[in-house]
Amino acid sequence: MRFSVYQVSRRGGRSNNEDRVGYCYTPDSVLLGLADGMGGHPRGDVAAQLALQTISAMFQREAQPALDDVRAFLRRAIVAAHEQIHRYARDQRLEDFPRTTVVLCVLQKGVAQWAHVGDSRLYFLRGGALLTRTLDHSHAEQRMLQAPQLAPADAAHARTPNRNVLYTCLGSPQAPFIEIGVPQSLRPGDLMLLCSDGLWSQVDQASIIGLLSERALSDAIPELVERALRQRASESDNVTALALEWEADAERDSTQGVSTENLAPGVFASTFQAELPDVADDELDDAAIERSIAEINEAIRRASAKK
């Protein structure tokens, strides 16, 4: 595999940055991840970091050197992250659960597969055009889907009431709704962007697509982040972005070019933050994960039966 990758996370006008981001890979598989800790609840930064730490640990354990079932992995890993956040809250005797969004993407065997919970987004571009993006798990996005006269490209700047109100996330008392995208076969030059709402809510979709299409990732990503921060200056949200170009053209390749062709078997590389204070380093509770998966599947079945 050969790809270019670039990530940036900047604190806006907040007391701390609750976003977390990173990527990891083996010779045959790549995992991208971004989590945005939610304000209004305690320790959003811990929730975001714990989510990505849990997911990357599972990836390292199971990608030997590739995942057997990417779709199943994404679901189990997100459920495991949700369970670990609950365990942390119980261990710390918190009055409320820490909460976070998450968006993940796995690339292996020439296919991209992603999943998300909340309003952290993934954009998938090919040939300078947007092929698809994730749909936010927010009440505002649902209203927009019911109002086709408001185009998705206008979403970033629509003054929709309760734009930030999500109906699912990791860490909430209810099991998360996990949305898994349709697998996409990869072509050279395909681009994936993962970003927090601090970016897409302040930079319009056309600008995001234009910059990613015209510039190398090492130029485009910092510029997008700076534009988002400038929009509201001292009141801006934290802004985080991670982008990958598949089999990047050498002329567009960033300083973060990666080739796994010469990686030895068993090698695992990661940019995810490894240490998390006050979290026990114990085994994932597989029984709890399976119970949560069953709960989620039952909730989906009931929702489908009502339609």
C-alpha atoms as a PDB file:
ATOM      1  CA  MET A   1       0.000   0.000   0.000  1.00  0.00           C
ATOM      2  CA  ARG A   2       1.104   3.549  -0.683  1.00  0.00           C
ATOM      3  CA  PHE A   3      -0.612   6.692   0.553  1.00  0.00           C
ATOM      4  CA  SER A   4      -0.075  10.257   1.732  1.00  0.00           C
ATOM      5  CA  VAL A   5      -1.537  11.346   5.045  1.00  0.00           C
ATOM      6  CA  TYR A   6      -1.635  14.571   7.018  1.00  0.00           C
ATOM      7  CA  GLN A   7      -3.290  15.531  10.307  1.00  0.00           C
ATOM      8  CA  VAL A   8      -3.766  18.766  12.250  1.00  0.00           C
ATOM      9  CA  SER A   9      -5.572  19.514  15.517  1.00  0.00           C
ATOM     10  CA  ARG A  10      -5.800  23.082  16.832  1.00  0.00           C
ATOM     11  CA  ARG A  11      -7.402  24.529  19.931  1.00  0.00           C
ATOM     12  CA  GLY A  12      -9.869  27.300  19.170  1.00  0.00           C
ATOM     13  CA  GLY A  13     -11.349  29.720  21.681  1.00  0.00           C
ATOM     14  CA  ARG A  14     -11.823  26.940  24.236  1.00  0.00           C
ATOM     15  CA  SER A  15     -10.030  26.249  27.502  1.00  0.00           C
ATOM     16  CA  ASN A  16      -8.697  22.971  26.126  1.00  0.00           C
ATOM     17  CA  ASN A  17      -8.772  20.846  22.995  1.00  0.00           C
ATOM     18  CA  GLU A  18     -11.146  17.889  23.404  1.00  0.00           C
ATOM     19  CA  ASP A  19     -10.554  16.570  19.869  1.00  0.00           C
ATOM     20  CA  ARG A  20      -8.395  13.485  19.303  1.00  0.00           C
ATOM     21  CA  VAL A  21      -7.132  12.148  15.983  1.00  0.00           C
ATOM     22  CA  GLY A  22      -4.667   9.656  14.557  1.00  0.00           C
ATOM     23  CA  TYR A  23      -3.960   6.809  12.191  1.00  0.00           C
ATOM     24  CA  CYS A  24      -2.254   3.440  12.398  1.00  0.00           C
ATOM     25  CA  TYR A  25      -1.304   0.755   9.921  1.00  0.00           C
ATOM     26  CA  THR A  26       0.120  -2.688   9.350  1.00  0.00           C
ATOM     27  CA  PRO A  27       1.619  -3.902   6.068  1.00  0.00           C
ATOM     28  CA  ASP A  28      -1.893  -4.652   4.737  1.00  0.00           C
ATOM     29  CA  SER A  29      -4.378  -2.392   6.550  1.00  0.00           C
ATOM     30  CA  VAL A  30      -4.831   1.265   7.558  1.00  0.00           C
ATOM     31  CA  LEU A  31      -7.100   2.715  10.247  1.00  0.00           C
ATOM     32  CA  LEU A  32      -7.985   6.426  10.404  1.00  0.00           C
ATOM     33  CA  GLY A  33      -9.818   7.779  13.439  1.00  0.00           C
ATOM     34  CA  LEU A  34     -11.140  11.075  14.798  1.00  0.00           C
ATOM     35  CA  ALA A  35     -13.145  11.760  17.952  1.00  0.00           C
ATOM     36  CA  ASP A  36     -14.588  15.039  19.221  1.00  0.00           C
ATOM     37  CA  GLY A  37     -15.212  15.127  22.976  1.00  0.00           C
ATOM     38  CA  MET A  38     -18.553  16.749  23.726  1.00  0.00           C
ATOM     39  CA  GLY A  39     -18.858  19.892  25.794  1.00  0.00           C
ATOM     40  CA  GLY A  40     -21.555  20.135  28.425  1.00  0.00           C
ATOM     41  CA  HIS A  41     -20.470  16.801  29.864  1.00  0.00           C
ATOM     42  CA  PRO A  42     -17.433  15.999  32.040  1.00  0.00           C
ATOM     43  CA  ARG A  43     -14.049  15.065  30.557  1.00  0.00           C
ATOM     44  CA  GLY A  44     -14.870  15.070  26.877  1.00  0.00           C
ATOM     45  CA  ASP A  45     -11.158  14.897  26.104  1.00  0.00           C
ATOM     46  CA  VAL A  46     -10.897  11.673  28.098  1.00  0.00           C
ATOM     47  CA  ALA A  47     -13.884  10.195  26.268  1.00  0.00           C
ATOM     48  CA  ALA A  48     -12.355  11.032  22.885  1.00  0.00           C
ATOM     49  CA  GLN A  49      -8.929   9.741  23.800  1.00  0.00           C
ATOM     50  CA  LEU A  50     -10.267   6.596  25.423  1.00  0.00           C
ATOM     51  CA  ALA A  51     -12.422   5.861  22.369  1.00  0.00           C
ATOM     52  CA  LEU A  52      -9.523   6.064  19.924  1.00  0.00           C
ATOM     53  CA  GLN A  53      -7.139   4.282  22.264  1.00  0.00           C
ATOM     54  CA  THR A  54      -9.576   1.376  22.627  1.00  0.00           C
ATOM     55  CA  ILE A  55     -10.241   1.168  18.888  1.00  0.00           C
ATOM     56  CA  SER A  56      -6.574   1.348  17.887  1.00  0.00           C
ATOM     57  CA  ALA A  57      -5.675  -1.318  20.474  1.00  0.00           C
ATOM     58  CA  MET A  58      -8.284  -3.643  18.963  1.00  0.00           C
ATOM     59  CA  PHE A  59      -6.992  -2.874  15.473  1.00  0.00           C
ATOM     60  CA  GLN A  60      -3.455  -3.749  16.515  1.00  0.00           C
ATOM     61  CA  ARG A  61      -4.683  -6.997  18.035  1.00  0.00           C
ATOM     62  CA  GLU A  62      -6.832  -8.067  15.083  1.00  0.00           C
ATOM     63  CA  ALA A  63      -5.095  -6.714  11.979  1.00  0.00           C
ATOM     64  CA  GLN A  64      -2.627  -9.562  11.608  1.00  0.00           C
ATOM     65  CA  PRO A  65      -1.794  -8.177   9.120  1.00  0.00           C
ATOM     66  CA  ALA A  66      -5.350  -7.431   7.867  1.00  0.00           C
ATOM     67  CA  LEU A  67      -8.799  -7.518   9.436  1.00  0.00           C
ATOM     68  CA  ASP A  68     -10.900 -10.587   8.676  1.00  0.00           C
ATOM     69  CA  ASP A  69     -14.173  -8.632   8.512  1.00  0.00           C
ATOM     70  CA  VAL A  70     -13.878  -4.845   8.376  1.00  0.00           C
ATOM     71  CA  ARG A  71     -17.568  -4.131   8.873  1.00  0.00           C
ATOM     72  CA  ALA A  72     -17.763  -6.381  11.936  1.00  0.00           C
ATOM     73  CA  PHE A  73     -14.574  -4.855  13.329  1.00  0.00           C
ATOM     74  CA  LEU A  74     -15.899  -1.301  13.022  1.00  0.00           C
ATOM     75  CA  ARG A  75     -19.086  -2.175  14.882  1.00  0.00           C
ATOM     76  CA  ARG A  76     -17.338  -4.146  17.641  1.00  0.00           C
ATOM     77  CA  ALA A  77     -14.612  -1.549  18.109  1.00  0.00           C
ATOM     78  CA  ILE A  78     -17.082   1.325  18.486  1.00  0.00           C
ATOM     79  CA  VAL A  79     -19.159  -0.677  20.942  1.00  0.00           C
ATOM     80  CA  ALA A  80     -15.998  -1.509  22.898  1.00  0.00           C
ATOM     81  CA  ALA A  81     -15.098   2.196  23.047  1.00  0.00           C
ATOM     82  CA  HIS A  82     -18.585   3.012  24.326  1.00  0.00           C
ATOM     83  CA  GLU A  83     -18.252   0.341  27.029  1.00  0.00           C
ATOM     84  CA  GLN A  84     -14.819   1.570  28.090  1.00  0.00           C
ATOM     85  CA  ILE A  85     -16.152   5.116  28.526  1.00  0.00           C
ATOM     86  CA  HIS A  86     -18.916   3.766  30.769  1.00  0.00           C
ATOM     87  CA  ARG A  87     -16.383   1.729  32.729  1.00  0.00           C
ATOM     88  CA  TYR A  88     -14.222   4.816  33.204  1.00  0.00           C
ATOM     89  CA  ALA A  89     -17.221   6.832  34.463  1.00  0.00           C
ATOM     90  CA  ARG A  90     -18.122   4.110  36.949  1.00  0.00           C
ATOM     91  CA  ASP A  91     -14.537   3.722  38.168  1.00  0.00           C
ATOM     92  CA  GLN A  92     -14.211   7.490  38.626  1.00  0.00           C
ATOM     93  CA  ARG A  93     -17.680   7.757  40.236  1.00  0.00           C
ATOM     94  CA  LEU A  94     -18.700  10.522  37.853  1.00  0.00           C
ATOM     95  CA  GLU A  95     -22.203  11.933  38.123  1.00  0.00           C
ATOM     96  CA  ASP A  96     -22.514  12.097  34.330  1.00  0.00           C
ATOM     97  CA  PHE A  97     -20.936  10.109  31.490  1.00  0.00           C
ATOM     98  CA  PRO A  98     -18.161  11.626  29.360  1.00  0.00           C
ATOM     99  CA  ARG A  99     -19.254  11.667  25.727  1.00  0.00           C
ATOM    100  CA  THR A 100     -17.692  11.880  22.290  1.00  0.00           C
ATOM    101  CA  THR A 101     -18.387  11.535  18.599  1.00  0.00           C
ATOM    102  CA  VAL A 102     -16.254   9.235  16.456  1.00  0.00           C
ATOM    103  CA  VAL A 103     -15.584   8.633  12.768  1.00  0.00           C
ATOM    104  CA  LEU A 104     -13.387   5.785  11.519  1.00  0.00           C
ATOM    105  CA  CYS A 105     -12.140   4.569   8.155  1.00  0.00           C
ATOM    106  CA  VAL A 106     -10.340   1.314   7.317  1.00  0.00           C
ATOM    107  CA  LEU A 107      -8.504   0.857   4.032  1.00  0.00           C
ATOM    108  CA  GLN A 108      -7.367  -2.589   2.980  1.00  0.00           C
ATOM    109  CA  LYS A 109      -7.405  -4.781  -0.117  1.00  0.00           C
ATOM    110  CA  GLY A 110      -8.105  -1.708  -2.233  1.00  0.00           C
ATOM    111  CA  VAL A 111     -11.376  -0.905  -0.448  1.00  0.00           C
ATOM    112  CA  ALA A 112     -12.362   1.884   1.966  1.00  0.00           C
ATOM    113  CA  GLN A 113     -14.974   1.205   4.637  1.00  0.00           C
ATOM    114  CA  TRP A 114     -16.056   3.687   7.275  1.00  0.00           C
ATOM    115  CA  ALA A 115     -18.362   4.114  10.250  1.00  0.00           C
ATOM    116  CA  HIS A 116     -19.405   7.020  12.448  1.00  0.00           C
ATOM    117  CA  VAL A 117     -21.420   8.081  15.467  1.00  0.00           C
ATOM    118  CA  GLY A 118     -22.335  11.752  15.862  1.00  0.00           C
ATOM    119  CA  ASP A 119     -21.381  14.708  13.681  1.00  0.00           C
ATOM    120  CA  SER A 120     -17.677  14.246  13.022  1.00  0.00           C
ATOM    121  CA  ARG A 121     -17.566  13.774   9.258  1.00  0.00           C
ATOM    122  CA  LEU A 122     -15.863  11.804   6.517  1.00  0.00           C
ATOM    123  CA  TYR A 123     -15.689  13.206   2.973  1.00  0.00           C
ATOM    124  CA  PHE A 124     -14.741  10.919   0.055  1.00  0.00           C
ATOM    125  CA  LEU A 125     -13.457  12.690  -3.078  1.00  0.00           C
ATOM    126  CA  ARG A 126     -12.452  11.445  -6.505  1.00  0.00           C
ATOM    127  CA  GLY A 127     -11.200  13.507  -9.427  1.00  0.00           C
ATOM    128  CA  GLY A 128     -11.939  16.805  -7.713  1.00  0.00           C
ATOM    129  CA  ALA A 129     -15.560  15.879  -6.961  1.00  0.00           C
ATOM    130  CA  LEU A 130     -17.338  14.781  -3.793  1.00  0.00           C
ATOM    131  CA  LEU A 131     -18.624  11.218  -4.161  1.00  0.00           C
ATOM    132  CA  THR A 132     -20.166  10.957  -0.713  1.00  0.00           C
ATOM    133  CA  ARG A 133     -19.948  12.106   2.877  1.00  0.00           C
ATOM    134  CA  THR A 134     -21.297  10.860   6.179  1.00  0.00           C
ATOM    135  CA  LEU A 135     -24.616  12.281   7.377  1.00  0.00           C
ATOM    136  CA  ASP A 136     -24.575  13.857  10.826  1.00  0.00           C
ATOM    137  CA  HIS A 137     -26.527  12.205  13.613  1.00  0.00           C
ATOM    138  CA  SER A 138     -28.091  15.511  14.557  1.00  0.00           C
ATOM    139  CA  HIS A 139     -31.638  16.829  14.596  1.00  0.00           C
ATOM    140  CA  ALA A 140     -30.557  19.636  12.265  1.00  0.00           C
ATOM    141  CA  GLU A 141     -29.312  17.177   9.611  1.00  0.00           C
ATOM    142  CA  GLN A 142     -32.550  15.232   9.858  1.00  0.00           C
ATOM    143  CA  ARG A 143     -34.547  18.406   9.246  1.00  0.00           C
ATOM    144  CA  MET A 144     -32.380  19.225   6.237  1.00  0.00           C
ATOM    145  CA  LEU A 145     -32.963  15.775   4.742  1.00  0.00           C
ATOM    146  CA  GLN A 146     -36.674  16.515   5.018  1.00  0.00           C
ATOM    147  CA  ALA A 147     -36.200  19.925   3.325  1.00  0.00           C
ATOM    148  CA  PRO A 148     -34.563  19.263  -0.084  1.00  0.00           C
ATOM    149  CA  GLN A 149     -34.682  22.941  -0.998  1.00  0.00           C
ATOM    150  CA  LEU A 150     -31.734  23.415   1.393  1.00  0.00           C
ATOM    151  CA  ALA A 151     -28.828  21.774  -0.402  1.00  0.00           C
ATOM    152  CA  PRO A 152     -26.260  19.806   1.643  1.00  0.00           C
ATOM    153  CA  ALA A 153     -23.528  22.178   0.461  1.00  0.00           C
ATOM    154  CA  ASP A 154     -25.317  24.971   2.314  1.00  0.00           C
ATOM    155  CA  ALA A 155     -25.425  23.060   5.577  1.00  0.00           C
ATOM    156  CA  ALA A 156     -22.260  24.555   7.022  1.00  0.00           C
ATOM    157  CA  HIS A 157     -23.643  28.060   7.042  1.00  0.00           C
ATOM    158  CA  ALA A 158     -27.336  27.375   7.634  1.00  0.00           C
ATOM    159  CA  ARG A 159     -28.442  29.059  10.845  1.00  0.00           C
ATOM    160  CA  THR A 160     -30.425  26.012  11.894  1.00  0.00           C
ATOM    161  CA  PRO A 161     -31.609  25.959  15.514  1.00  0.00           C
ATOM    162  CA  ASN A 162     -30.004  23.271  17.678  1.00  0.00           C
ATOM    163  CA  ARG A 163     -27.398  22.438  15.018  1.00  0.00           C
ATOM    164  CA  ASN A 164     -25.199  20.833  17.651  1.00  0.00           C
ATOM    165  CA  VAL A 165     -27.906  18.695  19.276  1.00  0.00           C
ATOM    166  CA  LEU A 166     -27.024  15.053  18.556  1.00  0.00           C
ATOM    167  CA  TYR A 167     -29.343  12.113  18.990  1.00  0.00           C
ATOM    168  CA  THR A 168     -26.505   9.595  19.452  1.00  0.00           C
ATOM    169  CA  CYS A 169     -22.900   9.570  20.648  1.00  0.00           C
ATOM    170  CA  LEU A 170     -20.441   7.394  22.530  1.00  0.00           C
ATOM    171  CA  GLY A 171     -20.779   7.457  26.317  1.00  0.00           C
ATOM    172  CA  SER A 172     -24.462   8.311  26.521  1.00  0.00           C
ATOM    173  CA  PRO A 173     -26.727   6.126  28.698  1.00  0.00           C
ATOM    174  CA  GLN A 174     -28.277   4.668  25.531  1.00  0.00           C
ATOM    175  CA  ALA A 175     -26.440   2.354  23.164  1.00  0.00           C
ATOM    176  CA  PRO A 176     -24.970   4.330  20.233  1.00  0.00           C
ATOM    177  CA  PHE A 177     -26.456   4.200  16.750  1.00  0.00           C
ATOM    178  CA  ILE A 178     -23.538   3.090  14.572  1.00  0.00           C
ATOM    179  CA  GLU A 179     -23.821   3.967  10.900  1.00  0.00           C
ATOM    180  CA  ILE A 180     -21.564   2.011   8.548  1.00  0.00           C
ATOM    181  CA  GLY A 181     -21.022   3.324   5.037  1.00  0.00           C
ATOM    182  CA  VAL A 182     -21.116   1.441   1.759  1.00  0.00           C
ATOM    183  CA  PRO A 183     -17.650   0.005   0.911  1.00  0.00           C
ATOM    184  CA  GLN A 184     -15.872   1.959  -1.823  1.00  0.00           C
ATOM    185  CA  SER A 185     -13.264   0.521  -4.181  1.00  0.00           C
ATOM    186  CA  LEU A 186     -10.217   2.766  -4.205  1.00  0.00           C
ATOM    187  CA  ARG A 187      -8.552   4.359  -7.215  1.00  0.00           C
ATOM    188  CA  PRO A 188      -5.216   6.214  -7.312  1.00  0.00           C
ATOM    189  CA  GLY A 189      -5.744   9.787  -6.164  1.00  0.00           C
ATOM    190  CA  ASP A 190      -8.870   9.127  -4.108  1.00  0.00           C
ATOM    191  CA  LEU A 191      -9.078  11.393  -1.049  1.00  0.00           C
ATOM    192  CA  MET A 192     -10.570  10.816   2.382  1.00  0.00           C
ATOM    193  CA  LEU A 193     -11.041  13.671   4.859  1.00  0.00           C
ATOM    194  CA  LEU A 194     -12.048  13.100   8.491  1.00  0.00           C
ATOM    195  CA  CYS A 195     -12.864  16.288  10.376  1.00  0.00           C
ATOM    196  CA  SER A 196     -14.563  17.624  13.490  1.00  0.00           C
ATOM    197  CA  ASP A 197     -17.540  19.988  13.291  1.00  0.00           C
ATOM    198  CA  GLY A 198     -15.164  22.823  14.126  1.00  0.00           C
ATOM    199  CA  LEU A 199     -14.018  22.624  10.504  1.00  0.00           C
ATOM    200  CA  TRP A 200     -17.083  21.783   8.425  1.00  0.00           C
ATOM    201  CA  SER A 201     -19.350  24.213  10.295  1.00  0.00           C
ATOM    202  CA  GLN A 202     -17.077  27.140   9.408  1.00  0.00           C
ATOM    203  CA  VAL A 203     -15.726  26.289   5.943  1.00  0.00           C
ATOM    204  CA  ASP A 204     -18.203  25.728   3.128  1.00  0.00           C
ATOM    205  CA  GLN A 205     -18.186  22.442   1.265  1.00  0.00           C
ATOM    206  CA  ALA A 206     -17.010  23.958  -2.032  1.00  0.00           C
ATOM    207  CA  SER A 207     -13.909  25.371  -0.342  1.00  0.00           C
ATOM    208  CA  ILE A 208     -13.142  22.042   1.307  1.00  0.00           C
ATOM    209  CA  ILE A 209     -13.384  20.212  -2.012  1.00  0.00           C
ATOM    210  CA  GLY A 210     -11.479  22.880  -3.901  1.00  0.00           C
ATOM    211  CA  LEU A 211      -8.498  23.024  -1.571  1.00  0.00           C
ATOM    212  CA  LEU A 212      -8.196  19.250  -1.288  1.00  0.00           C
ATOM    213  CA  SER A 213      -8.342  18.898  -5.067  1.00  0.00           C
ATOM    214  CA  GLU A 214      -5.899  21.669  -5.924  1.00  0.00           C
ATOM    215  CA  ARG A 215      -3.195  21.339  -3.283  1.00  0.00           C
ATOM    216  CA  ALA A 216      -1.076  18.701  -1.619  1.00  0.00           C
ATOM    217  CA  LEU A 217      -2.428  17.576   1.738  1.00  0.00           C
ATOM    218  CA  SER A 218       0.441  19.260   3.575  1.00  0.00           C
ATOM    219  CA  ASP A 219      -0.796  22.602   2.177  1.00  0.00           C
ATOM    220  CA  ALA A 220      -4.547  22.011   2.038  1.00  0.00           C
ATOM    221  CA  ILE A 221      -5.171  20.717   5.558  1.00  0.00           C
ATOM    222  CA  PRO A 222      -3.378  23.522   7.467  1.00  0.00           C
ATOM    223  CA  GLU A 223      -5.121  26.110   5.263  1.00  0.00           C
ATOM    224  CA  LEU A 224      -8.568  24.616   5.914  1.00  0.00           C
ATOM    225  CA  VAL A 225      -7.912  24.561   9.653  1.00  0.00           C
ATOM    226  CA  GLU A 226      -6.703  28.171   9.647  1.00  0.00           C
ATOM    227  CA  ARG A 227      -9.771  29.318   7.717  1.00  0.00           C
ATOM    228  CA  ALA A 228     -12.049  27.630  10.229  1.00  0.00           C
ATOM    229  CA  LEU A 229     -10.242  29.222  13.171  1.00  0.00           C
ATOM    230  CA  ARG A 230     -10.392  32.690  11.587  1.00  0.00           C
ATOM    231  CA  GLN A 231     -14.158  32.567  11.083  1.00  0.00           C
ATOM    232  CA  ARG A 232     -15.017  33.094  14.746  1.00  0.00           C
ATOM    233  CA  ALA A 233     -11.571  33.945  16.138  1.00  0.00           C
ATOM    234  CA  SER A 234     -11.727  33.898  19.951  1.00  0.00           C
ATOM    235  CA  GLU A 235     -15.064  32.042  19.883  1.00  0.00           C
ATOM    236  CA  SER A 236     -14.015  29.323  17.440  1.00  0.00           C
ATOM    237  CA  ASP A 237     -14.423  25.656  18.205  1.00  0.00           C
ATOM    238  CA  ASN A 238     -11.465  23.301  18.251  1.00  0.00           C
ATOM    239  CA  VAL A 239     -10.602  22.289  14.691  1.00  0.00           C
ATOM    240  CA  THR A 240      -9.229  18.886  13.739  1.00  0.00           C
ATOM    241  CA  ALA A 241      -8.679  17.270  10.343  1.00  0.00           C
ATOM    242  CA  LEU A 242      -7.043  14.108   9.015  1.00  0.00           C
ATOM    243  CA  ALA A 243      -6.770  13.456   5.293  1.00  0.00           C
ATOM    244  CA  LEU A 244      -5.401  10.591   3.230  1.00  0.00           C
ATOM    245  CA  GLU A 245      -4.682  10.369  -0.497  1.00  0.00           C
ATOM    246  CA  TRP A 246      -4.588   6.820  -1.838  1.00  0.00           C
ATOM    247  CA  GLU A 247      -1.580   5.971  -4.011  1.00  0.00           C
ATOM    248  CA  ALA A 248      -0.782   9.658  -4.233  1.00  0.00           C
ATOM    249  CA  ASP A 249       0.868  11.037  -7.347  1.00  0.00           C
ATOM    250  CA  ALA A 250       4.516  11.770  -6.533  1.00  0.00           C
ATOM    251  CA  GLU A 251       4.086  15.404  -7.589  1.00  0.00           C
ATOM    252  CA  ARG A 252       1.272  15.866  -5.058  1.00  0.00           C
ATOM    253  CA  ASP A 253       2.769  13.714  -2.344  1.00  0.00           C
ATOM    254  CA  SER A 254       3.094  15.388   1.047  1.00  0.00           C
ATOM    255  CA  THR A 255       5.942  15.053   3.500  1.00  0.00           C
ATOM    256  CA  GLN A 256       3.831  12.398   5.217  1.00  0.00           C
ATOM    257  CA  GLY A 257       4.027   9.864   2.376  1.00  0.00           C
ATOM    258  CA  VAL A 258       3.823   6.260   3.570  1.00  0.00           C
ATOM    259  CA  SER A 259       4.612   2.986   1.857  1.00  0.00           C
ATOM    260  CA  THR A 260       3.982  -0.319   3.601  1.00  0.00           C
ATOM    261  CA  GLU A 261       5.665  -2.423   0.922  1.00  0.00           C
ATOM    262  CA  ASN A 262       8.844  -2.891   2.944  1.00  0.00           C
ATOM    263  CA  LEU A 263       7.249  -3.304   6.367  1.00  0.00           C
ATOM    264  CA  ALA A 264       8.206  -6.512   8.094  1.00  0.00           C
ATOM    265  CA  PRO A 265       5.418  -8.885   9.185  1.00  0.00           C
ATOM    266  CA  GLY A 266       4.022  -7.938  12.582  1.00  0.00           C
ATOM    267  CA  VAL A 267       5.063  -4.277  12.349  1.00  0.00           C
ATOM    268  CA  PHE A 268       2.470  -1.791  13.614  1.00  0.00           C
ATOM    269  CA  ALA A 269       2.804   1.995  13.312  1.00  0.00           C
ATOM    270  CA  SER A 270       0.541   4.513  15.019  1.00  0.00           C
ATOM    271  CA  THR A 271       0.084   8.232  15.690  1.00  0.00           C
ATOM    272  CA  PHE A 272      -2.676   7.692  18.263  1.00  0.00           C
ATOM    273  CA  GLN A 273      -1.857   9.032  21.714  1.00  0.00           C
ATOM    274  CA  ALA A 274      -0.987   5.980  23.771  1.00  0.00           C
ATOM    275  CA  GLU A 275      -1.274   7.062  27.382  1.00  0.00           C
ATOM    276  CA  LEU A 276      -4.470   7.944  29.189  1.00  0.00           C
ATOM    277  CA  PRO A 277      -4.346   9.014  32.836  1.00  0.00           C
ATOM    278  CA  ASP A 278      -6.637   7.365  35.389  1.00  0.00           C
ATOM    279  CA  VAL A 279      -7.716   4.534  33.078  1.00  0.00           C
ATOM    280  CA  ALA A 280      -7.048   0.960  34.107  1.00  0.00           C
ATOM    281  CA  ASP A 281      -5.072  -1.055  31.572  1.00  0.00           C
ATOM    282  CA  ASP A 282      -7.256  -4.156  31.720  1.00  0.00           C
ATOM    283  CA  GLU A 283      -8.665  -6.491  29.113  1.00  0.00           C
ATOM    284  CA  LEU A 284     -11.704  -5.474  27.086  1.00  0.00           C
ATOM    285  CA  ASP A 285     -14.842  -7.100  28.461  1.00  0.00           C
ATOM    286  CA  ASP A 286     -15.914  -9.247  25.483  1.00  0.00           C
ATOM    287  CA  ALA A 287     -19.152 -10.317  27.172  1.00  0.00           C
ATOM    288  CA  ALA A 288     -20.166  -6.678  27.706  1.00  0.00           C
ATOM    289  CA  ILE A 289     -19.296  -5.864  24.086  1.00  0.00           C
ATOM    290  CA  GLU A 290     -21.448  -8.740  22.820  1.00  0.00           C
ATOM    291  CA  ARG A 291     -24.350  -7.646  25.056  1.00  0.00           C
ATOM    292  CA  SER A 292     -24.138  -4.123  23.686  1.00  0.00           C
ATOM    293  CA  ILE A 293     -24.028  -5.371  20.084  1.00  0.00           C
ATOM    294  CA  ALA A 294     -27.144  -7.442  20.776  1.00  0.00           C
ATOM    295  CA  GLU A 295     -28.846  -4.387  22.302  1.00  0.00           C
ATOM    296  CA  ILE A 296     -27.988  -2.242  19.281  1.00  0.00           C
ATOM    297  CA  ASN A 297     -29.190  -4.898  16.829  1.00  0.00           C
ATOM    298  CA  GLU A 298     -32.458  -5.273  18.737  1.00  0.00           C
ATOM    299  CA  ALA A 299     -32.987  -1.490  18.723  1.00  0.00           C
ATOM    300  CA  ILE A 300     -32.403  -1.424  14.947  1.00  0.00           C
ATOM    301  CA  ARG A 301     -34.831  -4.334  14.492  1.00  0.00           C
ATOM    302  CA  ARG A 302     -37.530  -2.557  16.514  1.00  0.00           C
ATOM    303  CA  ALA A 303     -37.013   0.699  14.609  1.00  0.00           C
ATOM    304  CA  SER A 304     -37.287  -1.151  11.271  1.00  0.00           C
ATOM    305  CA  ALA A 305     -40.460  -2.924  12.377  1.00  0.00           C
ATOM    306  CA  LYS A 306     -42.146   0.430  13.043  1.00  0.00           C
ATOM    307  CA  LYS A 307     -41.584   1.694   9.491  1.00  0.00           C
END
